[in-house]
Amino acid sequence: MKITRLAYMGDFHNLQPNTYCMKKGSNKYFIITIMIFMMVLSVYVVSAQPGGGPPPPPPPPTAVPFGGLELLLAAGAALGIKKFVDYRKKG
C-alpha cells in the first residue's frame, strides 16, 4: 500500500500527489539542525550557576559510630556463627 502526500501549491483545487514543498531528504537536515540548536541553548540553562562565594562549611561529624553497612556485616556474621553452632550440635 503506497502512501501519497498531498502538498498545498497555491490554491486548494491544485493538490497534486507526491509533491513536496521542500527537497526530498531536507526534512532530516532540518530536524538535525533544530536538535543541535536546542543542545547549544541547553548548555546555557544547565550551566547557569549562582555567583561565586565562599564554599559551604563542612558537615558536622556524625554521632553514630556504626553505619548501615557495619550493621549488615554484623548481622551476617551473627547468622553465620548461629548456623555453625547449630551444625556442630547436630553432628
Protein backbone atom coordinates (compact mmCIF):
# COMPACT_ATOMS: atom_id res chain seq x y z
CA MET A 1 0.00 0.00 0.00
CA LYS A 2 1.61 3.20 -1.15
CA ILE A 3 1.00 6.38 0.82
CA THR A 4 0.96 9.55 -1.22
CA ARG A 5 1.48 13.01 0.19
CA LEU A 6 -0.59 15.95 -0.90
CA ALA A 7 1.03 19.37 -0.81
CA TYR A 8 -0.62 22.76 -0.99
CA MET A 9 0.83 24.50 -4.04
CA GLY A 10 -1.13 27.75 -4.28
CA ASP A 11 -4.83 27.02 -4.14
CA PHE A 12 -6.88 24.26 -2.63
CA HIS A 13 -8.01 22.96 -6.01
CA ASN A 14 -4.45 22.29 -7.14
CA LEU A 15 -3.42 19.44 -4.79
CA GLN A 16 -1.03 17.11 -6.52
CA PRO A 17 0.08 13.69 -5.21
CA ASN A 18 3.79 13.09 -4.48
CA THR A 19 4.60 16.80 -4.48
CA TYR A 20 6.88 18.07 -1.73
CA CYS A 21 7.22 21.62 -0.52
CA MET A 22 10.90 21.06 0.31
CA LYS A 23 13.55 18.99 -1.40
CA LYS A 24 13.38 15.30 -0.61
CA GLY A 25 15.58 14.48 2.41
CA SER A 26 15.85 18.06 3.63
CA ASN A 27 13.43 17.22 6.44
CA LYS A 28 16.17 15.13 8.06
CA TYR A 29 18.63 18.03 7.96
CA PHE A 30 16.02 20.40 9.37
CA ILE A 31 15.40 18.11 12.35
CA ILE A 32 19.13 17.65 12.96
CA THR A 33 19.65 21.43 12.80
CA ILE A 34 16.86 22.03 15.32
CA MET A 35 18.29 19.36 17.66
CA ILE A 36 21.79 20.90 17.52
CA PHE A 37 20.33 24.35 18.16
CA MET A 38 18.43 23.04 21.20
CA MET A 39 21.56 21.33 22.57
CA VAL A 40 23.60 24.53 22.22
CA LEU A 41 20.94 26.55 24.03
CA SER A 42 20.56 23.95 26.77
CA VAL A 43 24.24 24.40 27.71
CA TYR A 44 23.46 27.90 28.97
CA VAL A 45 20.49 26.67 31.02
CA VAL A 46 22.31 23.70 32.53
CA SER A 47 25.48 25.57 33.42
CA ALA A 48 23.69 28.54 34.99
CA GLN A 49 25.13 28.71 38.50
CA PRO A 50 24.73 31.36 41.14
CA GLY A 51 27.57 33.81 41.64
CA GLY A 52 30.76 32.82 43.41
CA GLY A 53 31.25 32.95 47.10
CA PRO A 54 32.89 31.06 49.91
CA PRO A 55 32.45 27.29 49.85
CA PRO A 56 29.88 25.85 52.22
CA PRO A 57 31.11 24.73 55.62
CA PRO A 58 31.93 21.04 56.06
CA PRO A 59 29.17 18.90 57.52
CA PRO A 60 29.33 18.21 61.25
CA PRO A 61 30.69 14.82 62.29
CA THR A 62 28.10 12.13 62.78
CA ALA A 63 27.41 10.92 66.30
CA VAL A 64 26.52 7.38 65.16
CA PRO A 65 29.57 5.08 65.37
CA PHE A 66 28.05 2.39 63.15
CA GLY A 67 26.52 2.83 59.73
CA GLY A 68 24.21 0.56 57.79
CA LEU A 69 27.00 -1.46 56.18
CA GLU A 70 28.58 -2.32 59.51
CA LEU A 71 25.23 -3.45 60.90
CA LEU A 72 24.64 -5.69 57.87
CA LEU A 73 28.10 -7.24 58.27
CA ALA A 74 27.48 -7.87 61.98
CA ALA A 75 24.08 -9.46 61.26
CA GLY A 76 25.64 -11.70 58.58
CA ALA A 77 28.43 -12.75 60.94
CA ALA A 78 25.93 -13.49 63.74
CA LEU A 79 23.80 -15.60 61.38
CA GLY A 80 26.88 -17.48 60.21
CA ILE A 81 28.00 -18.18 63.78
CA LYS A 82 24.48 -19.37 64.72
CA LYS A 83 24.36 -21.75 61.74
CA PHE A 84 27.83 -23.06 62.57
CA VAL A 85 26.85 -23.71 66.22
CA ASP A 86 23.64 -25.48 65.12
CA TYR A 87 25.62 -27.60 62.67
CA ARG A 88 28.11 -28.58 65.40
CA LYS A 89 25.28 -29.57 67.80
CA LYS A 90 23.68 -31.88 65.18
CA GLY A 91 26.87 -33.54 64.06
